[in-house]
Amino acid sequence: MKNSIRILLFCLLGLNIAQAQEMKTNAGNMFDPRISFISPAALGFGDVTRLVVGYNMYYQGIAGDGLRNGFAAFSLPDGKFGSFGLIGEHFTSNNFQQGDYRFGYSQSFFNNKIRLGLELGVIYLSYNSDKFQGVDLNDPVFQQTTSKSSFNIGSSIFINPVHSLYAGISVRHLNRPNASLIGEDVRIPTKIQKGIFIPTYSP
């Protein structure tokens, strides 16, 4: 029973992480406002203060309370010491919640031809035991806790080697945060996103 529940939880964890954090954007397209969610190097790009807010709902009315994903990113324009930003994403389902909250920093070099970014944050995972059905709460998986917080690190680089050619690489979960509820070595996999962007207009 213990092993079957553990496998189920880890499968649900993988599914929900994918739902909550998947941003459909090109890692090399610095003109897409959503880039802040996958690449800290984008913070401050364009020398404008940027605020991006969104909210998605999936399967509302079908799977209990449905699935909900809210996200927000705020960044300041480049200054003497680079740019700073705050990024947050929160996923909620009927029996699971995940929060991903990060502080980001970016610095540009060679007249914005190269940008480097670093983000530090916390991933929060929580299972709602009140919604469990057919689960033994005395199982060791839940005896210690039904929630978990882990430190998270990410980084990225953006380059603009020639006019109208942009490329970027983003690395999420660089330290592979531990997602186990019972102290086992269950790691969130590192995620690498790469992209090249050639605009059809002159930015």
C-alpha atoms as a PDB file:
ATOM      1  CA  MET A   1       0.000   0.000   0.000  1.00  0.00           C
ATOM      2  CA  LYS A   2       2.761   2.415   0.959  1.00  0.00           C
ATOM      3  CA  ASN A   3       4.635   1.945  -2.316  1.00  0.00           C
ATOM      4  CA  SER A   4       1.509   2.281  -4.434  1.00  0.00           C
ATOM      5  CA  ILE A   5       0.522   5.539  -2.724  1.00  0.00           C
ATOM      6  CA  ARG A   6       4.041   6.865  -3.068  1.00  0.00           C
ATOM      7  CA  ILE A   7       4.110   6.099  -6.771  1.00  0.00           C
ATOM      8  CA  LEU A   8       0.730   7.782  -7.207  1.00  0.00           C
ATOM      9  CA  LEU A   9       1.890  10.916  -5.399  1.00  0.00           C
ATOM     10  CA  PHE A  10       5.055  11.207  -7.432  1.00  0.00           C
ATOM     11  CA  CYS A  11       3.100  10.768 -10.679  1.00  0.00           C
ATOM     12  CA  LEU A  12       0.664  13.467  -9.622  1.00  0.00           C
ATOM     13  CA  LEU A  13       3.586  15.676  -8.646  1.00  0.00           C
ATOM     14  CA  GLY A  14       5.165  15.351 -12.076  1.00  0.00           C
ATOM     15  CA  LEU A  15       1.861  16.076 -13.812  1.00  0.00           C
ATOM     16  CA  ASN A  16       1.106  19.146 -11.738  1.00  0.00           C
ATOM     17  CA  ILE A  17       4.609  20.564 -12.014  1.00  0.00           C
ATOM     18  CA  ALA A  18       4.279  20.341 -15.787  1.00  0.00           C
ATOM     19  CA  GLN A  19       0.858  22.040 -15.662  1.00  0.00           C
ATOM     20  CA  ALA A  20       2.005  24.823 -13.366  1.00  0.00           C
ATOM     21  CA  GLN A  21       5.343  25.715 -14.877  1.00  0.00           C
ATOM     22  CA  GLU A  22       5.093  25.068 -18.593  1.00  0.00           C
ATOM     23  CA  MET A  23       5.323  28.416 -20.370  1.00  0.00           C
ATOM     24  CA  LYS A  24       4.816  28.149 -24.104  1.00  0.00           C
ATOM     25  CA  THR A  25       7.342  30.718 -25.239  1.00  0.00           C
ATOM     26  CA  ASN A  26      10.627  30.820 -27.106  1.00  0.00           C
ATOM     27  CA  ALA A  27      13.641  31.178 -24.775  1.00  0.00           C
ATOM     28  CA  GLY A  28      15.259  33.441 -27.378  1.00  0.00           C
ATOM     29  CA  ASN A  29      12.308  35.813 -27.852  1.00  0.00           C
ATOM     30  CA  MET A  30      13.013  38.652 -25.443  1.00  0.00           C
ATOM     31  CA  PHE A  31      10.060  40.622 -26.846  1.00  0.00           C
ATOM     32  CA  ASP A  32       7.486  38.142 -25.510  1.00  0.00           C
ATOM     33  CA  PRO A  33       6.220  39.382 -22.093  1.00  0.00           C
ATOM     34  CA  ARG A  34       6.000  35.753 -20.891  1.00  0.00           C
ATOM     35  CA  ILE A  35       9.775  35.360 -21.185  1.00  0.00           C
ATOM     36  CA  SER A  36      10.180  36.607 -17.586  1.00  0.00           C
ATOM     37  CA  PHE A  37       8.704  33.329 -16.318  1.00  0.00           C
ATOM     38  CA  ILE A  38      11.395  31.146 -17.886  1.00  0.00           C
ATOM     39  CA  SER A  39      14.438  33.434 -18.201  1.00  0.00           C
ATOM     40  CA  PRO A  40      15.697  35.838 -15.506  1.00  0.00           C
ATOM     41  CA  ALA A  41      18.068  37.310 -18.115  1.00  0.00           C
ATOM     42  CA  ALA A  42      14.976  38.955 -19.648  1.00  0.00           C
ATOM     43  CA  LEU A  43      14.368  41.114 -16.573  1.00  0.00           C
ATOM     44  CA  GLY A  44      14.904  44.772 -17.456  1.00  0.00           C
ATOM     45  CA  PHE A  45      15.135  44.157 -21.194  1.00  0.00           C
ATOM     46  CA  GLY A  46      13.847  47.134 -23.176  1.00  0.00           C
ATOM     47  CA  ASP A  47      14.503  49.577 -20.309  1.00  0.00           C
ATOM     48  CA  VAL A  48      10.866  49.545 -19.197  1.00  0.00           C
ATOM     49  CA  THR A  49       9.068  48.623 -15.992  1.00  0.00           C
ATOM     50  CA  ARG A  50       7.134  45.467 -16.821  1.00  0.00           C
ATOM     51  CA  LEU A  51       4.179  43.804 -15.102  1.00  0.00           C
ATOM     52  CA  VAL A  52       2.651  40.589 -16.452  1.00  0.00           C
ATOM     53  CA  VAL A  53      -0.351  38.968 -14.756  1.00  0.00           C
ATOM     54  CA  GLY A  54      -2.419  35.982 -15.844  1.00  0.00           C
ATOM     55  CA  TYR A  55      -4.883  33.377 -14.639  1.00  0.00           C
ATOM     56  CA  ASN A  56      -5.926  30.103 -16.269  1.00  0.00           C
ATOM     57  CA  MET A  57      -8.709  27.651 -15.405  1.00  0.00           C
ATOM     58  CA  TYR A  58      -8.888  24.075 -16.735  1.00  0.00           C
ATOM     59  CA  TYR A  59     -11.695  21.502 -16.594  1.00  0.00           C
ATOM     60  CA  GLN A  60     -13.835  23.759 -14.415  1.00  0.00           C
ATOM     61  CA  GLY A  61     -16.904  21.870 -13.221  1.00  0.00           C
ATOM     62  CA  ILE A  62     -15.575  18.488 -14.349  1.00  0.00           C
ATOM     63  CA  ALA A  63     -12.818  17.490 -11.902  1.00  0.00           C
ATOM     64  CA  GLY A  64     -14.074  18.752  -8.549  1.00  0.00           C
ATOM     65  CA  ASP A  65     -12.898  22.332  -8.193  1.00  0.00           C
ATOM     66  CA  GLY A  66     -11.031  22.137 -11.490  1.00  0.00           C
ATOM     67  CA  LEU A  67      -7.452  23.232 -12.093  1.00  0.00           C
ATOM     68  CA  ARG A  68      -6.339  26.834 -11.635  1.00  0.00           C
ATOM     69  CA  ASN A  69      -3.020  28.474 -12.439  1.00  0.00           C
ATOM     70  CA  GLY A  70      -2.185  32.082 -11.563  1.00  0.00           C
ATOM     71  CA  PHE A  71       1.052  33.849 -12.397  1.00  0.00           C
ATOM     72  CA  ALA A  72       2.603  37.322 -12.091  1.00  0.00           C
ATOM     73  CA  ALA A  73       5.972  38.885 -12.880  1.00  0.00           C
ATOM     74  CA  PHE A  74       7.261  42.376 -12.086  1.00  0.00           C
ATOM     75  CA  SER A  75      10.611  43.776 -13.184  1.00  0.00           C
ATOM     76  CA  LEU A  76      12.393  47.120 -13.115  1.00  0.00           C
ATOM     77  CA  PRO A  77      14.336  48.602 -16.038  1.00  0.00           C
ATOM     78  CA  ASP A  78      18.098  48.232 -16.217  1.00  0.00           C
ATOM     79  CA  GLY A  79      19.966  50.438 -13.775  1.00  0.00           C
ATOM     80  CA  LYS A  80      23.529  50.947 -12.629  1.00  0.00           C
ATOM     81  CA  PHE A  81      23.479  47.600 -10.832  1.00  0.00           C
ATOM     82  CA  GLY A  82      21.369  45.666 -13.338  1.00  0.00           C
ATOM     83  CA  SER A  83      17.690  44.798 -13.105  1.00  0.00           C
ATOM     84  CA  PHE A  84      15.631  43.126 -10.404  1.00  0.00           C
ATOM     85  CA  GLY A  85      12.315  41.332 -10.530  1.00  0.00           C
ATOM     86  CA  LEU A  86       9.794  39.207  -8.667  1.00  0.00           C
ATOM     87  CA  ILE A  87       8.105  36.185 -10.251  1.00  0.00           C
ATOM     88  CA  GLY A  88       5.349  34.057  -8.815  1.00  0.00           C
ATOM     89  CA  GLU A  89       3.273  31.116 -10.054  1.00  0.00           C
ATOM     90  CA  HIS A  90       0.606  29.256  -8.102  1.00  0.00           C
ATOM     91  CA  PHE A  91      -1.176  26.096  -9.226  1.00  0.00           C
ATOM     92  CA  THR A  92      -4.241  24.743  -7.416  1.00  0.00           C
ATOM     93  CA  SER A  93      -6.260  21.578  -7.941  1.00  0.00           C
ATOM     94  CA  ASN A  94      -8.814  19.770  -5.812  1.00  0.00           C
ATOM     95  CA  ASN A  95      -6.189  17.974  -3.701  1.00  0.00           C
ATOM     96  CA  PHE A  96      -2.864  19.594  -4.575  1.00  0.00           C
ATOM     97  CA  GLN A  97      -1.240  23.042  -4.555  1.00  0.00           C
ATOM     98  CA  GLN A  98       2.111  24.191  -5.860  1.00  0.00           C
ATOM     99  CA  GLY A  99       3.705  27.606  -5.484  1.00  0.00           C
ATOM    100  CA  ASP A 100       6.871  28.778  -7.221  1.00  0.00           C
ATOM    101  CA  TYR A 101       8.090  32.172  -5.952  1.00  0.00           C
ATOM    102  CA  ARG A 102      11.362  33.670  -7.159  1.00  0.00           C
ATOM    103  CA  PHE A 103      13.582  36.735  -6.917  1.00  0.00           C
ATOM    104  CA  GLY A 104      15.427  37.443 -10.152  1.00  0.00           C
ATOM    105  CA  TYR A 105      18.452  39.511 -11.133  1.00  0.00           C
ATOM    106  CA  SER A 106      19.893  40.294 -14.566  1.00  0.00           C
ATOM    107  CA  GLN A 107      22.879  42.192 -15.876  1.00  0.00           C
ATOM    108  CA  SER A 108      23.663  43.269 -19.430  1.00  0.00           C
ATOM    109  CA  PHE A 109      27.070  43.415 -21.089  1.00  0.00           C
ATOM    110  CA  PHE A 110      28.475  44.851 -24.324  1.00  0.00           C
ATOM    111  CA  ASN A 111      25.559  47.198 -24.982  1.00  0.00           C
ATOM    112  CA  ASN A 112      22.926  44.523 -24.388  1.00  0.00           C
ATOM    113  CA  LYS A 113      24.573  41.991 -26.694  1.00  0.00           C
ATOM    114  CA  ILE A 114      24.823  39.581 -23.769  1.00  0.00           C
ATOM    115  CA  ARG A 115      22.536  39.314 -20.758  1.00  0.00           C
ATOM    116  CA  LEU A 116      23.006  37.014 -17.773  1.00  0.00           C
ATOM    117  CA  GLY A 117      20.292  36.175 -15.271  1.00  0.00           C
ATOM    118  CA  LEU A 118      20.007  34.429 -11.924  1.00  0.00           C
ATOM    119  CA  GLU A 119      16.929  33.580  -9.866  1.00  0.00           C
ATOM    120  CA  LEU A 120      16.589  32.322  -6.298  1.00  0.00           C
ATOM    121  CA  GLY A 121      13.317  31.116  -4.923  1.00  0.00           C
ATOM    122  CA  VAL A 122      11.169  28.600  -3.087  1.00  0.00           C
ATOM    123  CA  ILE A 123       8.961  25.827  -4.428  1.00  0.00           C
ATOM    124  CA  TYR A 124       6.051  24.952  -2.158  1.00  0.00           C
ATOM    125  CA  LEU A 125       4.092  21.693  -2.522  1.00  0.00           C
ATOM    126  CA  SER A 126       0.997  20.844  -0.498  1.00  0.00           C
ATOM    127  CA  TYR A 127      -1.528  17.988  -0.602  1.00  0.00           C
ATOM    128  CA  ASN A 128      -5.001  18.628   0.837  1.00  0.00           C
ATOM    129  CA  SER A 129      -5.639  15.603   3.053  1.00  0.00           C
ATOM    130  CA  ASP A 130      -9.307  16.602   3.491  1.00  0.00           C
ATOM    131  CA  LYS A 131      -9.851  15.699  -0.167  1.00  0.00           C
ATOM    132  CA  PHE A 132      -8.160  12.274  -0.045  1.00  0.00           C
ATOM    133  CA  GLN A 133     -10.358   9.269  -0.783  1.00  0.00           C
ATOM    134  CA  GLY A 134      -9.323   5.675  -0.183  1.00  0.00           C
ATOM    135  CA  VAL A 135      -5.981   6.743   1.316  1.00  0.00           C
ATOM    136  CA  ASP A 136      -4.658   5.609   4.699  1.00  0.00           C
ATOM    137  CA  LEU A 137      -3.466   8.786   6.436  1.00  0.00           C
ATOM    138  CA  ASN A 138      -1.481   6.596   8.866  1.00  0.00           C
ATOM    139  CA  ASP A 139       0.720   5.585   5.965  1.00  0.00           C
ATOM    140  CA  PRO A 140       4.345   6.742   6.508  1.00  0.00           C
ATOM    141  CA  VAL A 141       4.071   8.929   3.404  1.00  0.00           C
ATOM    142  CA  PHE A 142       1.748  11.282   5.308  1.00  0.00           C
ATOM    143  CA  GLN A 143       2.802  10.745   8.928  1.00  0.00           C
ATOM    144  CA  GLN A 144       5.420  13.500   8.863  1.00  0.00           C
ATOM    145  CA  THR A 145       3.714  16.136   6.707  1.00  0.00           C
ATOM    146  CA  THR A 146       1.523  16.740   3.677  1.00  0.00           C
ATOM    147  CA  SER A 147       3.490  19.776   2.500  1.00  0.00           C
ATOM    148  CA  LYS A 148       7.044  20.555   1.451  1.00  0.00           C
ATOM    149  CA  SER A 149       9.126  23.680   0.717  1.00  0.00           C
ATOM    150  CA  SER A 150      12.431  23.548  -1.169  1.00  0.00           C
ATOM    151  CA  PHE A 151      15.024  26.110  -2.209  1.00  0.00           C
ATOM    152  CA  ASN A 152      15.206  26.601  -5.979  1.00  0.00           C
ATOM    153  CA  ILE A 153      17.885  28.073  -8.278  1.00  0.00           C
ATOM    154  CA  GLY A 154      17.690  29.029 -11.948  1.00  0.00           C
ATOM    155  CA  SER A 155      19.868  30.845 -14.465  1.00  0.00           C
ATOM    156  CA  SER A 156      19.821  31.954 -18.073  1.00  0.00           C
ATOM    157  CA  ILE A 157      21.812  33.671 -20.798  1.00  0.00           C
ATOM    158  CA  PHE A 158      20.651  35.742 -23.738  1.00  0.00           C
ATOM    159  CA  ILE A 159      22.774  36.826 -26.704  1.00  0.00           C
ATOM    160  CA  ASN A 160      22.213  39.140 -29.655  1.00  0.00           C
ATOM    161  CA  PRO A 161      25.322  38.484 -31.794  1.00  0.00           C
ATOM    162  CA  VAL A 162      24.067  40.286 -34.909  1.00  0.00           C
ATOM    163  CA  HIS A 163      21.113  42.497 -35.733  1.00  0.00           C
ATOM    164  CA  SER A 164      17.764  40.660 -35.733  1.00  0.00           C
ATOM    165  CA  LEU A 165      19.193  37.402 -34.380  1.00  0.00           C
ATOM    166  CA  TYR A 166      18.429  36.524 -30.759  1.00  0.00           C
ATOM    167  CA  ALA A 167      19.225  33.349 -28.847  1.00  0.00           C
ATOM    168  CA  GLY A 168      18.688  32.233 -25.286  1.00  0.00           C
ATOM    169  CA  ILE A 169      19.198  29.318 -22.909  1.00  0.00           C
ATOM    170  CA  SER A 170      17.304  28.961 -19.635  1.00  0.00           C
ATOM    171  CA  VAL A 171      18.011  26.408 -16.897  1.00  0.00           C
ATOM    172  CA  ARG A 172      15.273  25.869 -14.302  1.00  0.00           C
ATOM    173  CA  HIS A 173      15.684  23.836 -11.084  1.00  0.00           C
ATOM    174  CA  LEU A 174      19.459  23.978 -11.401  1.00  0.00           C
ATOM    175  CA  ASN A 175      19.910  22.483  -7.926  1.00  0.00           C
ATOM    176  CA  ARG A 176      17.197  19.815  -8.475  1.00  0.00           C
ATOM    177  CA  PRO A 177      15.041  20.605  -5.389  1.00  0.00           C
ATOM    178  CA  ASN A 178      13.943  17.687  -3.239  1.00  0.00           C
ATOM    179  CA  ALA A 179      10.179  17.082  -3.488  1.00  0.00           C
ATOM    180  CA  SER A 180       9.854  14.124  -1.114  1.00  0.00           C
ATOM    181  CA  LEU A 181       7.447  14.371   1.817  1.00  0.00           C
ATOM    182  CA  ILE A 182       9.360  11.818   3.887  1.00  0.00           C
ATOM    183  CA  GLY A 183      12.969  12.875   3.433  1.00  0.00           C
ATOM    184  CA  GLU A 184      13.823  10.556   0.569  1.00  0.00           C
ATOM    185  CA  ASP A 185      15.961  11.696  -2.364  1.00  0.00           C
ATOM    186  CA  VAL A 186      13.211  12.531  -4.876  1.00  0.00           C
ATOM    187  CA  ARG A 187      14.390  15.392  -7.057  1.00  0.00           C
ATOM    188  CA  ILE A 188      12.578  17.734  -9.419  1.00  0.00           C
ATOM    189  CA  PRO A 189      14.484  17.345 -12.701  1.00  0.00           C
ATOM    190  CA  THR A 190      16.488  20.208 -14.158  1.00  0.00           C
ATOM    191  CA  LYS A 191      14.691  21.771 -17.107  1.00  0.00           C
ATOM    192  CA  ILE A 192      16.598  23.360 -19.996  1.00  0.00           C
ATOM    193  CA  GLN A 193      14.876  25.537 -22.576  1.00  0.00           C
ATOM    194  CA  LYS A 194      16.681  26.845 -25.676  1.00  0.00           C
ATOM    195  CA  GLY A 195      15.498  29.090 -28.441  1.00  0.00           C
ATOM    196  CA  ILE A 196      16.466  31.222 -31.424  1.00  0.00           C
ATOM    197  CA  PHE A 197      14.341  34.145 -32.535  1.00  0.00           C
ATOM    198  CA  ILE A 198      14.527  36.065 -35.823  1.00  0.00           C
ATOM    199  CA  PRO A 199      11.835  38.761 -35.871  1.00  0.00           C
ATOM    200  CA  THR A 200      10.054  39.559 -39.106  1.00  0.00           C
ATOM    201  CA  TYR A 201      10.098  43.213 -38.117  1.00  0.00           C
ATOM    202  CA  SER A 202      12.848  45.532 -36.922  1.00  0.00           C
ATOM    203  CA  PRO A 203      12.555  45.863 -33.111  1.00  0.00           C
END
